[in-house]
Amino acid sequence: MSKIDARTHQELPDITGTGQPTAAATFETKALRTANASRLQKVRHPVIRQTAWLVLIWVCSVTALGMVSMGFRYLMNAAGFQS
């Protein structure tokens, strides 16, 4: 097992020559795994929530597009063009 740099997540060379990680390196690696695991668990959302956001954003974009098109229609009618 090799030592991992916490900032770059890259493997560091073994400078002790023993091939075994130091106690501090082992603790640091375990702490990183625990921190990353807890961060990943906080990020996960239920599928229903993600789908609700997708539908909400779609409805808002369609509504905005409808409002812009109605604005163009009123402008065209004001200019004398009839559909």
N, C-alpha and C. Protein backbone atom coordinates (compact mmCIF):
# COMPACT_ATOMS: atom_id res chain seq x y z
N MET A 1 0.85 -1.17 0.00
CA MET A 1 0.00 0.00 0.00
C MET A 1 0.90 1.24 0.00
N SER A 2 0.63 2.16 -0.86
CA SER A 2 1.47 3.34 -0.96
C SER A 2 0.75 4.56 -0.39
N LYS A 3 1.53 5.57 -0.10
CA LYS A 3 1.00 6.80 0.47
C LYS A 3 0.37 7.65 -0.63
N ILE A 4 -0.76 8.29 -0.32
CA ILE A 4 -1.50 9.11 -1.27
C ILE A 4 -1.45 10.57 -0.82
N ASP A 5 -1.16 11.47 -1.74
CA ASP A 5 -1.16 12.89 -1.43
C ASP A 5 -2.60 13.37 -1.35
N ALA A 6 -2.99 14.02 -0.26
CA ALA A 6 -4.37 14.44 -0.04
C ALA A 6 -4.81 15.52 -1.01
N ARG A 7 -3.91 16.35 -1.46
CA ARG A 7 -4.30 17.45 -2.35
C ARG A 7 -4.45 17.01 -3.80
N THR A 8 -3.57 16.18 -4.27
CA THR A 8 -3.59 15.80 -5.69
C THR A 8 -4.13 14.40 -5.91
N HIS A 9 -4.34 13.63 -4.86
CA HIS A 9 -4.82 12.25 -4.93
C HIS A 9 -3.92 11.39 -5.80
N GLN A 10 -2.61 11.67 -5.79
CA GLN A 10 -1.66 10.88 -6.54
C GLN A 10 -0.77 10.11 -5.58
N GLU A 11 -0.26 9.01 -6.08
CA GLU A 11 0.59 8.16 -5.27
C GLU A 11 1.95 8.83 -5.06
N LEU A 12 2.42 8.82 -3.81
CA LEU A 12 3.71 9.39 -3.48
C LEU A 12 4.77 8.28 -3.47
N PRO A 13 6.00 8.60 -3.80
CA PRO A 13 7.05 7.57 -3.77
C PRO A 13 7.36 7.16 -2.34
N ASP A 14 7.79 5.92 -2.19
CA ASP A 14 8.16 5.39 -0.88
C ASP A 14 9.58 5.83 -0.57
N ILE A 15 9.75 6.77 0.36
CA ILE A 15 11.08 7.29 0.67
C ILE A 15 11.72 6.56 1.83
N THR A 16 10.94 5.73 2.54
CA THR A 16 11.51 5.00 3.67
C THR A 16 12.21 3.73 3.21
N GLY A 17 11.84 3.21 2.05
CA GLY A 17 12.45 2.00 1.54
C GLY A 17 11.89 0.72 2.13
N THR A 18 10.91 0.82 3.01
CA THR A 18 10.36 -0.37 3.64
C THR A 18 9.20 -0.95 2.84
N GLY A 19 8.58 -0.14 2.03
CA GLY A 19 7.42 -0.61 1.28
C GLY A 19 6.14 -0.56 2.08
N GLN A 20 6.24 -0.26 3.35
CA GLN A 20 5.07 -0.18 4.21
C GLN A 20 4.73 1.29 4.48
N PRO A 21 3.44 1.65 4.47
CA PRO A 21 3.08 3.03 4.77
C PRO A 21 3.29 3.34 6.25
N THR A 22 3.56 4.57 6.55
CA THR A 22 3.71 4.98 7.94
C THR A 22 2.34 5.05 8.59
N ALA A 23 2.31 5.14 9.90
CA ALA A 23 1.04 5.21 10.62
C ALA A 23 0.27 6.46 10.22
N ALA A 24 0.99 7.57 10.02
CA ALA A 24 0.32 8.82 9.63
C ALA A 24 -0.28 8.68 8.24
N ALA A 25 0.42 8.02 7.33
CA ALA A 25 -0.10 7.84 5.98
C ALA A 25 -1.34 6.96 5.98
N THR A 26 -1.32 5.90 6.80
CA THR A 26 -2.48 5.02 6.90
C THR A 26 -3.67 5.77 7.45
N PHE A 27 -3.46 6.54 8.50
CA PHE A 27 -4.55 7.32 9.09
C PHE A 27 -5.08 8.33 8.08
N GLU A 28 -4.18 9.00 7.35
CA GLU A 28 -4.59 10.01 6.37
C GLU A 28 -5.41 9.38 5.25
N THR A 29 -5.00 8.21 4.79
CA THR A 29 -5.73 7.52 3.72
C THR A 29 -7.11 7.11 4.20
N LYS A 30 -7.20 6.58 5.42
CA LYS A 30 -8.51 6.20 5.96
C LYS A 30 -9.41 7.42 6.14
N ALA A 31 -8.83 8.52 6.59
CA ALA A 31 -9.61 9.74 6.78
C ALA A 31 -10.13 10.25 5.43
N LEU A 32 -9.30 10.16 4.40
CA LEU A 32 -9.73 10.59 3.06
C LEU A 32 -10.87 9.73 2.56
N ARG A 33 -10.75 8.42 2.73
CA ARG A 33 -11.82 7.53 2.28
C ARG A 33 -13.12 7.82 3.00
N THR A 34 -13.05 8.06 4.32
CA THR A 34 -14.24 8.36 5.10
C THR A 34 -14.86 9.69 4.67
N ALA A 35 -14.02 10.70 4.45
CA ALA A 35 -14.52 12.01 4.04
C ALA A 35 -15.15 11.93 2.66
N ASN A 36 -14.52 11.22 1.73
CA ASN A 36 -15.07 11.09 0.38
C ASN A 36 -16.36 10.30 0.40
N ALA A 37 -16.44 9.25 1.20
CA ALA A 37 -17.65 8.44 1.27
C ALA A 37 -18.81 9.25 1.83
N SER A 38 -18.56 10.02 2.89
CA SER A 38 -19.65 10.81 3.48
C SER A 38 -20.08 11.92 2.52
N ARG A 39 -19.12 12.49 1.77
CA ARG A 39 -19.47 13.54 0.81
C ARG A 39 -20.31 12.96 -0.33
N LEU A 40 -20.00 11.75 -0.78
CA LEU A 40 -20.78 11.12 -1.85
C LEU A 40 -22.18 10.77 -1.38
N GLN A 41 -22.31 10.37 -0.12
CA GLN A 41 -23.63 10.03 0.40
C GLN A 41 -24.51 11.27 0.51
N LYS A 42 -23.92 12.43 0.81
CA LYS A 42 -24.71 13.65 0.92
C LYS A 42 -25.18 14.14 -0.44
N VAL A 43 -24.45 13.83 -1.50
CA VAL A 43 -24.76 14.34 -2.83
C VAL A 43 -25.91 13.58 -3.47
N ARG A 44 -26.08 12.33 -3.15
CA ARG A 44 -27.11 11.51 -3.80
C ARG A 44 -28.51 12.00 -3.44
N HIS A 45 -29.35 12.12 -4.47
CA HIS A 45 -30.74 12.53 -4.29
C HIS A 45 -31.65 11.45 -4.85
N PRO A 46 -32.85 11.37 -4.33
CA PRO A 46 -33.79 10.39 -4.88
C PRO A 46 -34.14 10.72 -6.32
N VAL A 47 -34.46 9.69 -7.09
CA VAL A 47 -34.78 9.85 -8.50
C VAL A 47 -36.02 10.73 -8.67
N ILE A 48 -36.98 10.62 -7.78
CA ILE A 48 -38.21 11.41 -7.90
C ILE A 48 -37.90 12.90 -7.78
N ARG A 49 -36.96 13.25 -6.92
CA ARG A 49 -36.59 14.66 -6.75
C ARG A 49 -35.90 15.20 -8.00
N GLN A 50 -35.02 14.40 -8.58
CA GLN A 50 -34.33 14.81 -9.80
C GLN A 50 -35.33 14.96 -10.95
N THR A 51 -36.28 14.04 -11.04
CA THR A 51 -37.29 14.11 -12.08
C THR A 51 -38.18 15.33 -11.89
N ALA A 52 -38.52 15.65 -10.65
CA ALA A 52 -39.34 16.83 -10.38
C ALA A 52 -38.62 18.10 -10.83
N TRP A 53 -37.31 18.20 -10.57
CA TRP A 53 -36.55 19.37 -11.03
C TRP A 53 -36.54 19.43 -12.55
N LEU A 54 -36.36 18.29 -13.21
CA LEU A 54 -36.36 18.24 -14.67
C LEU A 54 -37.68 18.76 -15.23
N VAL A 55 -38.79 18.29 -14.67
CA VAL A 55 -40.11 18.72 -15.13
C VAL A 55 -40.32 20.21 -14.85
N LEU A 56 -39.91 20.68 -13.69
CA LEU A 56 -40.07 22.09 -13.34
C LEU A 56 -39.30 22.99 -14.30
N ILE A 57 -38.06 22.62 -14.59
CA ILE A 57 -37.24 23.43 -15.52
C ILE A 57 -37.85 23.40 -16.92
N TRP A 58 -38.34 22.24 -17.34
CA TRP A 58 -38.96 22.13 -18.67
C TRP A 58 -40.21 23.01 -18.76
N VAL A 59 -41.08 22.96 -17.74
CA VAL A 59 -42.30 23.76 -17.74
C VAL A 59 -41.97 25.25 -17.76
N CYS A 60 -40.99 25.67 -16.99
CA CYS A 60 -40.59 27.08 -16.97
C CYS A 60 -40.04 27.51 -18.32
N SER A 61 -39.26 26.66 -18.97
CA SER A 61 -38.71 27.05 -20.27
C SER A 61 -39.78 27.11 -21.35
N VAL A 62 -40.74 26.20 -21.32
CA VAL A 62 -41.84 26.24 -22.28
C VAL A 62 -42.71 27.47 -22.04
N THR A 63 -42.96 27.81 -20.80
CA THR A 63 -43.74 29.01 -20.46
C THR A 63 -43.04 30.27 -20.95
N ALA A 64 -41.73 30.35 -20.72
CA ALA A 64 -40.97 31.52 -21.17
C ALA A 64 -40.99 31.62 -22.70
N LEU A 65 -40.85 30.51 -23.38
CA LEU A 65 -40.90 30.51 -24.84
C LEU A 65 -42.28 30.95 -25.33
N GLY A 66 -43.33 30.51 -24.67
CA GLY A 66 -44.68 30.92 -25.03
C GLY A 66 -44.89 32.42 -24.84
N MET A 67 -44.35 32.95 -23.75
CA MET A 67 -44.49 34.39 -23.50
C MET A 67 -43.76 35.20 -24.57
N VAL A 68 -42.58 34.77 -24.97
CA VAL A 68 -41.83 35.48 -26.01
C VAL A 68 -42.58 35.41 -27.33
N SER A 69 -43.12 34.25 -27.67
CA SER A 69 -43.85 34.12 -28.94
C SER A 69 -45.13 34.96 -28.93
N MET A 70 -45.81 35.02 -27.80
CA MET A 70 -47.02 35.87 -27.73
C MET A 70 -46.63 37.34 -27.86
N GLY A 71 -45.49 37.74 -27.30
CA GLY A 71 -45.02 39.11 -27.45
C GLY A 71 -44.76 39.45 -28.91
N PHE A 72 -44.12 38.53 -29.64
CA PHE A 72 -43.90 38.75 -31.07
C PHE A 72 -45.23 38.81 -31.83
N ARG A 73 -46.19 37.99 -31.43
CA ARG A 73 -47.49 37.99 -32.10
C ARG A 73 -48.20 39.34 -31.90
N TYR A 74 -48.16 39.86 -30.68
CA TYR A 74 -48.78 41.17 -30.43
C TYR A 74 -48.08 42.27 -31.21
N LEU A 75 -46.75 42.21 -31.30
CA LEU A 75 -46.02 43.20 -32.09
C LEU A 75 -46.38 43.12 -33.57
N MET A 76 -46.51 41.91 -34.09
CA MET A 76 -46.88 41.75 -35.49
C MET A 76 -48.29 42.24 -35.75
N ASN A 77 -49.21 41.99 -34.83
CA ASN A 77 -50.57 42.48 -34.98
C ASN A 77 -50.60 44.00 -34.91
N ALA A 78 -49.78 44.59 -34.04
CA ALA A 78 -49.73 46.04 -33.93
C ALA A 78 -49.16 46.66 -35.19
N ALA A 79 -48.29 45.95 -35.88
CA ALA A 79 -47.69 46.47 -37.12
C ALA A 79 -48.60 46.26 -38.32
N GLY A 80 -49.71 45.58 -38.13
CA GLY A 80 -50.67 45.42 -39.23
C GLY A 80 -50.66 44.05 -39.88
N PHE A 81 -49.83 43.18 -39.41
CA PHE A 81 -49.82 41.82 -39.96
C PHE A 81 -50.82 40.98 -39.19
N GLN A 82 -51.64 40.23 -39.91
CA GLN A 82 -52.63 39.36 -39.28
C GLN A 82 -52.32 37.91 -39.62
N SER A 83 -52.53 37.04 -38.67
CA SER A 83 -52.30 35.62 -38.94
C SER A 83 -53.61 34.90 -39.17
